[in-house]
Amino acid sequence: MTTQANTNTKAGSLGKYLRGVKSELKKVNWPNGEELKNNTSVVIASCLLATILLWALDTFFGFGLNLIIK
């Protein structure tokens, strides 16, 4: 009997959780297409800049380490 009660309680709490998720998603301020394109381009540019910076630092320190080792 307790197994049946636990199953009903879990199903009820899952339904309550999903209703809460649905109501919270309605409150989200979703970006429009133009904002999405702009934000995506900023993220891609930032990733490329970080990649180039890290590559340059790695190359610089690699040359320095090779000078020390040789």
C-alpha atoms as a PDB file:
ATOM      1  CA  MET A   1       0.000   0.000   0.000  1.00  0.00           C
ATOM      2  CA  THR A   2       2.837   2.409   0.721  1.00  0.00           C
ATOM      3  CA  THR A   3       4.334   1.683  -2.701  1.00  0.00           C
ATOM      4  CA  GLN A   4       1.125   2.819  -4.367  1.00  0.00           C
ATOM      5  CA  ALA A   5       1.074   5.979  -2.241  1.00  0.00           C
ATOM      6  CA  ASN A   6       4.709   6.763  -3.062  1.00  0.00           C
ATOM      7  CA  THR A   7       4.038   6.326  -6.782  1.00  0.00           C
ATOM      8  CA  ASN A   8       1.068   8.706  -6.671  1.00  0.00           C
ATOM      9  CA  THR A   9       3.063  11.237  -4.659  1.00  0.00           C
ATOM     10  CA  LYS A  10       5.973  11.066  -7.105  1.00  0.00           C
ATOM     11  CA  ALA A  11       3.661  11.423 -10.105  1.00  0.00           C
ATOM     12  CA  GLY A  12       1.934  14.371  -8.450  1.00  0.00           C
ATOM     13  CA  SER A  13       5.210  16.087  -7.622  1.00  0.00           C
ATOM     14  CA  LEU A  14       6.490  15.498 -11.172  1.00  0.00           C
ATOM     15  CA  GLY A  15       3.347  17.082 -12.589  1.00  0.00           C
ATOM     16  CA  LYS A  16       3.697  20.011 -10.190  1.00  0.00           C
ATOM     17  CA  TYR A  17       7.337  20.422 -11.205  1.00  0.00           C
ATOM     18  CA  LEU A  18       6.508  20.392 -14.928  1.00  0.00           C
ATOM     19  CA  ARG A  19       3.709  22.941 -14.442  1.00  0.00           C
ATOM     20  CA  GLY A  20       6.207  25.147 -12.602  1.00  0.00           C
ATOM     21  CA  VAL A  21       8.724  24.802 -15.419  1.00  0.00           C
ATOM     22  CA  LYS A  22       6.088  25.721 -17.983  1.00  0.00           C
ATOM     23  CA  SER A  23       5.030  28.818 -16.048  1.00  0.00           C
ATOM     24  CA  GLU A  24       8.642  29.947 -15.612  1.00  0.00           C
ATOM     25  CA  LEU A  25       9.394  29.485 -19.328  1.00  0.00           C
ATOM     26  CA  LYS A  26       6.492  31.815 -20.121  1.00  0.00           C
ATOM     27  CA  LYS A  27       8.269  34.523 -18.097  1.00  0.00           C
ATOM     28  CA  VAL A  28      11.506  34.252 -20.101  1.00  0.00           C
ATOM     29  CA  ASN A  29      12.293  37.212 -22.344  1.00  0.00           C
ATOM     30  CA  TRP A  30      13.298  35.312 -25.488  1.00  0.00           C
ATOM     31  CA  PRO A  31      15.481  37.189 -28.012  1.00  0.00           C
ATOM     32  CA  ASN A  32      14.137  38.010 -31.442  1.00  0.00           C
ATOM     33  CA  GLY A  33      15.960  36.971 -34.603  1.00  0.00           C
ATOM     34  CA  GLU A  34      18.074  40.114 -34.887  1.00  0.00           C
ATOM     35  CA  GLU A  35      19.215  39.948 -31.252  1.00  0.00           C
ATOM     36  CA  LEU A  36      20.025  36.273 -31.674  1.00  0.00           C
ATOM     37  CA  LYS A  37      22.200  36.939 -34.754  1.00  0.00           C
ATOM     38  CA  ASN A  38      23.972  39.803 -32.984  1.00  0.00           C
ATOM     39  CA  ASN A  39      24.640  37.824 -29.814  1.00  0.00           C
ATOM     40  CA  THR A  40      25.822  34.798 -31.805  1.00  0.00           C
ATOM     41  CA  SER A  41      28.291  36.901 -33.782  1.00  0.00           C
ATOM     42  CA  VAL A  42      29.642  38.430 -30.552  1.00  0.00           C
ATOM     43  CA  VAL A  43      30.163  34.964 -29.039  1.00  0.00           C
ATOM     44  CA  ILE A  44      31.893  33.649 -32.180  1.00  0.00           C
ATOM     45  CA  ALA A  45      34.145  36.724 -32.387  1.00  0.00           C
ATOM     46  CA  SER A  46      35.036  36.425 -28.694  1.00  0.00           C
ATOM     47  CA  CYS A  47      35.887  32.742 -29.091  1.00  0.00           C
ATOM     48  CA  LEU A  48      38.076  33.452 -32.125  1.00  0.00           C
ATOM     49  CA  LEU A  49      39.861  36.284 -30.306  1.00  0.00           C
ATOM     50  CA  ALA A  50      40.482  34.092 -27.255  1.00  0.00           C
ATOM     51  CA  THR A  51      41.731  31.269 -29.479  1.00  0.00           C
ATOM     52  CA  ILE A  52      44.172  33.551 -31.289  1.00  0.00           C
ATOM     53  CA  LEU A  53      45.385  35.069 -28.022  1.00  0.00           C
ATOM     54  CA  LEU A  54      45.956  31.670 -26.415  1.00  0.00           C
ATOM     55  CA  TRP A  55      47.713  30.381 -29.545  1.00  0.00           C
ATOM     56  CA  ALA A  56      50.014  33.429 -29.547  1.00  0.00           C
ATOM     57  CA  LEU A  57      50.829  33.029 -25.852  1.00  0.00           C
ATOM     58  CA  ASP A  58      51.469  29.301 -26.287  1.00  0.00           C
ATOM     59  CA  THR A  59      53.785  29.957 -29.230  1.00  0.00           C
ATOM     60  CA  PHE A  60      55.646  32.723 -27.377  1.00  0.00           C
ATOM     61  CA  PHE A  61      56.166  30.664 -24.228  1.00  0.00           C
ATOM     62  CA  GLY A  62      57.037  27.596 -26.308  1.00  0.00           C
ATOM     63  CA  PHE A  63      59.844  29.488 -28.033  1.00  0.00           C
ATOM     64  CA  GLY A  64      61.032  30.794 -24.676  1.00  0.00           C
ATOM     65  CA  LEU A  65      61.035  27.310 -23.184  1.00  0.00           C
ATOM     66  CA  ASN A  66      62.944  25.944 -26.167  1.00  0.00           C
ATOM     67  CA  LEU A  67      65.592  28.651 -25.675  1.00  0.00           C
ATOM     68  CA  ILE A  68      65.940  27.689 -22.023  1.00  0.00           C
ATOM     69  CA  ILE A  69      66.084  23.949 -22.705  1.00  0.00           C
ATOM     70  CA  LYS A  70      68.683  24.187 -25.515  1.00  0.00           C
END
